[in-house]
Amino acid sequence: MSAQLHTALLAAGIAGVLAFASVLGWVLKAKVAAGAPHAVIDNLNARVKAWWLMVVVLSLALLGGMTGVIILFAFASFIAFREYATIAPTRRGDHLALVLGFFAVIPVQYALVWMEWYGLYSIFIPVYGFLLMPMVAALRGDVPNFMQRTATLQWGLMICVFCISHVPALLTLRIPDYEERNAFLLVFLILIVQSSDVLQYVWGKLFGRTKIAPQVSPSKTVEGFLGGVACATVLGAALWWITPFTPLQAAAISLAIALMGFLGGLVMSAIKRDRGVKDWGAMIEGHGGMLDRLDSVCFSAPIFFHIVRYWWSV
């Protein structure tokens, strides 16, 4: 099957699912809520509208090839790091380190991915960014809570920049008999992560009884987790034809992606609870901020990238 046919089938499938969700949301709003405010239905409709927007944006980026995808995710990292820095315990002495993070580390990391320089983009932030942030902060002479502040900023760069940059890095992999199709890997990752999130929400609302970590994320339940992860795994197996994987391999990898996405969301929720905020921001209606949408991707993207690179790439 040609890449063009794969693209057409996948686009038709995504559009069909979103169209069905839009109609379902309209019917639920009219028949169940009778047009009145309804927390669950309104949340679902807001998510569907945001999904339409995100699909359009991602599609336009993919049309721009590597450059378009790099620009999109560099922008996403910039916004995510800004949201993170907004609630981080920083002081005046951290301002120069933050400026370098925004205007030096982010552009260099994504430039290295664009250059396909794996040997450097894989260590640039974990090694050089790790050393740069505390050195710059120490030179400012602002010592109160220095360890906490520095570790917080280092971790922010890892999550918001290093981890997210592994999404466009999927386009750099060289996979035999899969040339010119790497964009499907990116789409596969995002579809599995986001569908797992949505399905966990739906299963949790329908059948959720047992809380997993009520102090961290009160809405996450065992039933929602099991149902969402299982459905995402089945979806991944059904989408094996856009990947270099067999159906069984696609299912196993989808399971890993969904598990890492769930744990990533839990970790990021713990940070929000620690800082006393509900959402990372209000950039996307129905979805909160950029990090609220990418929290699962942050943890799943590096794992997916290295699984594919180790087992399938040359």
Protein backbone atom coordinates (compact mmCIF):
# COMPACT_ATOMS: atom_id res chain seq x y z
CA MET A 1 0.00 0.00 0.00
CA SER A 2 1.45 3.39 -0.99
CA ALA A 3 2.22 6.21 1.44
CA GLN A 4 -0.39 8.39 -0.32
CA LEU A 5 -3.11 5.78 0.25
CA HIS A 6 -2.02 5.37 3.87
CA THR A 7 -2.30 9.13 4.32
CA ALA A 8 -5.75 9.30 2.72
CA LEU A 9 -7.11 6.42 4.80
CA LEU A 10 -5.68 7.78 8.04
CA ALA A 11 -6.96 11.30 7.35
CA ALA A 12 -10.42 9.96 6.51
CA GLY A 13 -10.45 7.87 9.68
CA ILE A 14 -9.43 10.76 11.94
CA ALA A 15 -11.92 13.14 10.30
CA GLY A 16 -14.65 10.52 10.60
CA VAL A 17 -14.02 9.94 14.30
CA LEU A 18 -13.97 13.68 15.04
CA ALA A 19 -17.11 14.25 12.99
CA PHE A 20 -18.87 11.45 14.90
CA ALA A 21 -17.69 12.92 18.22
CA SER A 22 -18.92 16.38 17.19
CA VAL A 23 -22.38 15.06 16.26
CA LEU A 24 -22.54 12.96 19.45
CA GLY A 25 -21.63 15.98 21.55
CA TRP A 26 -24.30 18.07 19.86
CA VAL A 27 -26.93 15.37 20.44
CA LEU A 28 -25.94 14.92 24.08
CA LYS A 29 -26.06 18.67 24.66
CA ALA A 30 -29.51 18.94 23.07
CA LYS A 31 -31.16 15.78 24.40
CA VAL A 32 -29.45 15.02 27.73
CA ALA A 33 -28.49 18.50 28.92
CA ALA A 34 -31.44 20.19 27.12
CA GLY A 35 -29.10 23.03 26.20
CA ALA A 36 -28.28 23.77 29.83
CA PRO A 37 -24.72 23.77 31.24
CA HIS A 38 -23.48 20.22 31.89
CA ALA A 39 -19.95 19.75 33.22
CA VAL A 40 -19.16 16.39 31.54
CA ILE A 41 -20.85 17.11 28.19
CA ASP A 42 -19.44 20.63 27.98
CA ASN A 43 -15.97 19.30 28.77
CA LEU A 44 -16.32 16.65 26.07
CA ASN A 45 -17.46 19.19 23.47
CA ALA A 46 -14.63 21.56 24.35
CA ARG A 47 -12.15 18.70 23.94
CA VAL A 48 -13.57 17.80 20.52
CA LYS A 49 -13.35 21.41 19.31
CA ALA A 50 -9.77 21.66 20.53
CA TRP A 51 -8.97 18.37 18.80
CA TRP A 52 -10.20 19.74 15.47
CA LEU A 53 -7.86 22.69 15.91
CA MET A 54 -4.90 20.53 16.91
CA VAL A 55 -5.42 18.16 13.97
CA VAL A 56 -5.42 21.10 11.56
CA VAL A 57 -2.27 22.60 13.11
CA LEU A 58 -0.41 19.26 13.08
CA SER A 59 -1.50 18.60 9.49
CA LEU A 60 -0.17 21.99 8.36
CA ALA A 61 3.12 21.30 10.16
CA LEU A 62 3.45 17.91 8.48
CA LEU A 63 2.87 19.54 5.09
CA GLY A 64 5.93 21.67 5.88
CA GLY A 65 8.06 18.53 6.30
CA MET A 66 10.86 18.39 8.84
CA THR A 67 11.10 22.17 9.07
CA GLY A 68 7.39 22.60 9.73
CA VAL A 69 7.36 19.93 12.45
CA ILE A 70 10.49 21.36 14.07
CA ILE A 71 8.94 24.83 14.20
CA LEU A 72 5.70 23.50 15.69
CA PHE A 73 7.34 21.50 18.48
CA ALA A 74 9.95 24.17 19.22
CA PHE A 75 7.04 26.55 19.74
CA ALA A 76 5.31 23.93 21.90
CA SER A 77 8.46 23.54 24.02
CA PHE A 78 8.75 27.32 24.39
CA ILE A 79 5.16 27.65 25.62
CA ALA A 80 5.45 24.56 27.84
CA PHE A 81 8.67 25.85 29.47
CA ARG A 82 7.05 29.25 29.99
CA GLU A 83 4.08 27.61 31.74
CA TYR A 84 6.47 25.54 33.84
CA ALA A 85 8.64 28.56 34.77
CA THR A 86 5.53 30.55 35.73
CA ILE A 87 4.75 28.26 38.66
CA ALA A 88 8.36 27.24 39.48
CA PRO A 89 9.95 28.60 42.70
CA THR A 90 12.38 31.01 41.02
CA ARG A 91 14.13 34.18 42.16
CA ARG A 92 15.77 37.16 40.46
CA GLY A 93 19.06 35.25 40.34
CA ASP A 94 17.47 32.70 38.01
CA HIS A 95 16.39 35.18 35.35
CA LEU A 96 19.54 34.96 33.22
CA ALA A 97 19.45 31.16 33.32
CA LEU A 98 15.82 31.28 32.22
CA VAL A 99 16.63 33.65 29.36
CA LEU A 100 19.35 31.27 28.17
CA GLY A 101 16.93 28.36 28.49
CA PHE A 102 14.32 30.08 26.33
CA PHE A 103 16.52 31.74 23.73
CA ALA A 104 19.59 29.51 23.57
CA VAL A 105 18.88 25.99 24.79
CA ILE A 106 15.53 25.55 23.00
CA PRO A 107 16.73 26.83 19.59
CA VAL A 108 19.97 24.83 19.77
CA GLN A 109 18.21 21.60 20.77
CA TYR A 110 15.77 21.82 17.87
CA ALA A 111 18.47 22.92 15.44
CA LEU A 112 20.43 19.80 16.35
CA VAL A 113 17.34 17.66 15.73
CA TRP A 114 16.85 19.42 12.37
CA MET A 115 20.49 18.67 11.52
CA GLU A 116 19.84 15.03 12.54
CA TRP A 117 22.86 15.16 14.86
CA TYR A 118 21.78 12.41 17.23
CA GLY A 119 25.14 12.20 18.98
CA LEU A 120 24.73 15.77 20.24
CA TYR A 121 20.98 16.38 20.58
CA SER A 122 20.73 13.22 22.71
CA ILE A 123 23.12 14.68 25.31
CA PHE A 124 22.95 18.46 24.80
CA ILE A 125 20.41 19.15 27.56
CA PRO A 126 21.18 16.21 29.92
CA VAL A 127 24.88 17.17 29.94
CA TYR A 128 25.49 20.73 28.77
CA GLY A 129 22.15 22.24 29.78
CA PHE A 130 22.44 20.43 33.11
CA LEU A 131 25.81 22.12 33.74
CA LEU A 132 24.91 25.51 32.26
CA MET A 133 21.88 26.35 34.41
CA PRO A 134 23.52 26.10 37.86
CA MET A 135 26.74 27.79 36.67
CA VAL A 136 24.84 30.82 35.39
CA ALA A 137 22.64 30.96 38.49
CA ALA A 138 25.66 30.67 40.82
CA LEU A 139 27.39 33.60 39.11
CA ARG A 140 24.38 35.75 40.02
CA GLY A 141 25.13 35.14 43.71
CA ASP A 142 21.51 34.47 44.71
CA VAL A 143 21.94 31.63 47.23
CA PRO A 144 18.62 31.12 49.11
CA ASN A 145 17.03 27.81 48.05
CA PHE A 146 19.71 27.50 45.36
CA MET A 147 19.55 23.68 45.20
CA GLN A 148 15.77 23.56 44.89
CA ARG A 149 15.64 26.34 42.29
CA THR A 150 18.41 24.88 40.15
CA ALA A 151 17.04 21.34 40.22
CA THR A 152 13.59 22.67 39.33
CA LEU A 153 14.86 24.51 36.25
CA GLN A 154 17.03 21.59 35.15
CA TRP A 155 14.06 19.25 35.38
CA GLY A 156 11.89 21.74 33.49
CA LEU A 157 14.31 21.76 30.56
CA MET A 158 14.38 17.99 30.51
CA ILE A 159 10.59 17.65 30.47
CA CYS A 160 9.56 20.64 28.37
CA VAL A 161 12.38 20.64 25.82
CA PHE A 162 14.45 17.45 25.80
CA CYS A 163 11.54 15.01 26.05
CA ILE A 164 9.24 16.87 23.67
CA SER A 165 12.02 17.20 21.07
CA HIS A 166 11.92 13.42 20.66
CA VAL A 167 8.63 13.80 18.77
CA PRO A 168 10.13 15.54 15.70
CA ALA A 169 13.26 13.41 16.15
CA LEU A 170 11.16 10.46 14.95
CA LEU A 171 11.46 11.96 11.45
CA THR A 172 15.25 11.51 11.55
CA LEU A 173 15.20 7.72 11.98
CA ARG A 174 16.40 5.56 9.09
CA ILE A 175 14.18 2.48 8.89
CA PRO A 176 14.66 -0.04 6.06
CA ASP A 177 11.69 -0.28 3.66
CA TYR A 178 9.99 2.59 5.49
CA GLU A 179 11.52 5.56 3.66
CA GLU A 180 9.43 8.75 3.44
CA ARG A 181 6.92 7.39 5.95
CA ASN A 182 8.36 8.51 9.29
CA ALA A 183 5.59 11.08 9.70
CA PHE A 184 3.28 8.12 10.37
CA LEU A 185 5.37 7.29 13.46
CA LEU A 186 4.74 10.78 14.79
CA VAL A 187 1.01 10.49 14.08
CA PHE A 188 0.93 6.99 15.61
CA LEU A 189 2.52 8.23 18.85
CA ILE A 190 0.18 11.19 19.22
CA LEU A 191 -2.93 9.18 18.34
CA ILE A 192 -2.16 6.49 20.91
CA VAL A 193 -1.22 8.94 23.68
CA GLN A 194 -4.17 11.24 23.18
CA SER A 195 -6.73 8.49 22.57
CA SER A 196 -5.55 6.78 25.76
CA ASP A 197 -6.09 10.03 27.68
CA VAL A 198 -9.56 10.58 26.24
CA LEU A 199 -10.63 6.95 26.67
CA GLN A 200 -9.39 6.88 30.27
CA TYR A 201 -11.56 9.95 30.88
CA VAL A 202 -14.61 8.34 29.22
CA TRP A 203 -14.18 4.96 30.94
CA GLY A 204 -13.59 6.71 34.24
CA LYS A 205 -16.79 8.76 33.93
CA LEU A 206 -18.82 5.69 32.94
CA PHE A 207 -17.41 3.04 35.27
CA GLY A 208 -14.86 4.68 37.54
CA ARG A 209 -15.14 3.69 41.19
CA THR A 210 -11.66 3.00 42.59
CA LYS A 211 -9.33 6.00 42.85
CA ILE A 212 -5.70 5.38 41.93
CA ALA A 213 -4.07 8.40 43.58
CA PRO A 214 -6.84 10.69 44.89
CA GLN A 215 -4.41 13.20 46.41
CA VAL A 216 -2.64 13.60 43.07
CA SER A 217 -5.42 13.29 40.48
CA PRO A 218 -8.90 12.68 41.92
CA SER A 219 -10.39 11.90 38.50
CA LYS A 220 -8.06 8.98 37.70
CA THR A 221 -9.56 5.60 38.52
CA VAL A 222 -8.47 1.99 38.13
CA GLU A 223 -11.44 1.29 35.85
CA GLY A 224 -10.70 4.32 33.68
CA PHE A 225 -7.01 3.44 33.50
CA LEU A 226 -7.61 -0.19 32.53
CA GLY A 227 -10.32 0.62 29.99
CA GLY A 228 -8.43 3.49 28.39
CA VAL A 229 -5.10 1.67 28.16
CA ALA A 230 -6.75 -1.49 26.81
CA CYS A 231 -8.63 0.44 24.12
CA ALA A 232 -5.51 2.40 23.13
CA THR A 233 -3.60 -0.87 22.85
CA VAL A 234 -6.25 -2.31 20.55
CA LEU A 235 -6.23 0.90 18.50
CA GLY A 236 -2.46 0.67 18.15
CA ALA A 237 -2.71 -2.91 16.94
CA ALA A 238 -5.37 -1.85 14.41
CA LEU A 239 -3.04 0.88 13.10
CA TRP A 240 -0.08 -1.46 12.54
CA TRP A 241 -0.33 -0.86 8.79
CA ILE A 242 0.99 2.71 9.09
CA THR A 243 4.04 1.53 11.06
CA PRO A 244 7.01 -0.79 10.46
CA PHE A 245 5.60 -3.08 13.20
CA THR A 246 3.57 -6.27 13.07
CA PRO A 247 0.11 -6.13 14.72
CA LEU A 248 1.50 -7.80 17.88
CA GLN A 249 4.47 -5.44 18.01
CA ALA A 250 2.19 -2.45 17.47
CA ALA A 251 -0.01 -3.61 20.37
CA ALA A 252 2.99 -4.06 22.71
CA ILE A 253 4.44 -0.67 21.79
CA SER A 254 1.03 0.99 22.17
CA LEU A 255 0.74 -0.54 25.63
CA ALA A 256 4.15 0.93 26.57
CA ILE A 257 3.15 4.32 25.16
CA ALA A 258 -0.17 4.36 27.02
CA LEU A 259 1.44 3.29 30.32
CA MET A 260 4.15 5.95 30.06
CA GLY A 261 1.54 8.52 29.08
CA PHE A 262 -0.56 7.69 32.13
CA LEU A 263 2.44 7.87 34.47
CA GLY A 264 3.57 11.12 32.85
CA GLY A 265 0.18 12.67 33.42
CA LEU A 266 0.24 11.52 37.03
CA VAL A 267 3.69 13.04 37.64
CA MET A 268 2.70 16.36 36.08
CA SER A 269 -0.51 16.38 38.13
CA ALA A 270 1.57 15.91 41.28
CA ILE A 271 3.57 19.01 40.38
CA LYS A 272 0.39 21.03 39.85
CA ARG A 273 -0.99 19.90 43.20
CA ASP A 274 2.31 20.81 44.85
CA ARG A 275 2.15 24.32 43.36
CA GLY A 276 -1.58 24.69 44.07
CA VAL A 277 -2.82 25.10 40.49
CA LYS A 278 -5.51 23.21 38.56
CA ASP A 279 -4.08 23.64 35.05
CA TRP A 280 -0.73 24.65 33.61
CA GLY A 281 -2.43 27.42 31.66
CA ALA A 282 -5.52 28.39 29.68
CA MET A 283 -4.12 28.38 26.15
CA ILE A 284 -6.41 25.67 24.74
CA GLU A 285 -10.14 25.75 25.50
CA GLY A 286 -11.15 22.59 27.31
CA HIS A 287 -7.56 21.42 27.61
CA GLY A 288 -5.84 23.95 29.89
CA GLY A 289 -2.31 24.88 28.87
CA MET A 290 0.22 23.39 26.50
CA LEU A 291 1.64 21.14 29.21
CA ASP A 292 -1.83 19.86 30.05
CA ARG A 293 -1.94 18.39 26.53
CA LEU A 294 1.68 17.33 26.30
CA ASP A 295 2.20 15.92 29.80
CA SER A 296 1.63 12.35 28.56
CA VAL A 297 3.70 12.95 25.41
CA CYS A 298 6.64 14.18 27.52
CA PHE A 299 7.08 10.76 29.09
CA SER A 300 6.05 8.54 26.19
CA ALA A 301 7.95 10.24 23.34
CA PRO A 302 11.54 9.39 24.45
CA ILE A 303 10.57 5.78 25.22
CA PHE A 304 8.86 5.34 21.85
CA PHE A 305 11.77 7.00 20.02
CA HIS A 306 14.39 4.75 21.58
CA ILE A 307 12.33 1.58 21.13
CA VAL A 308 12.03 2.31 17.42
CA ARG A 309 15.62 3.46 17.09
CA TYR A 310 17.07 0.41 18.83
CA TRP A 311 14.93 -2.29 17.18
CA TRP A 312 14.03 -0.90 13.75
CA SER A 313 16.44 1.89 12.77
CA VAL A 314 19.79 1.36 11.08
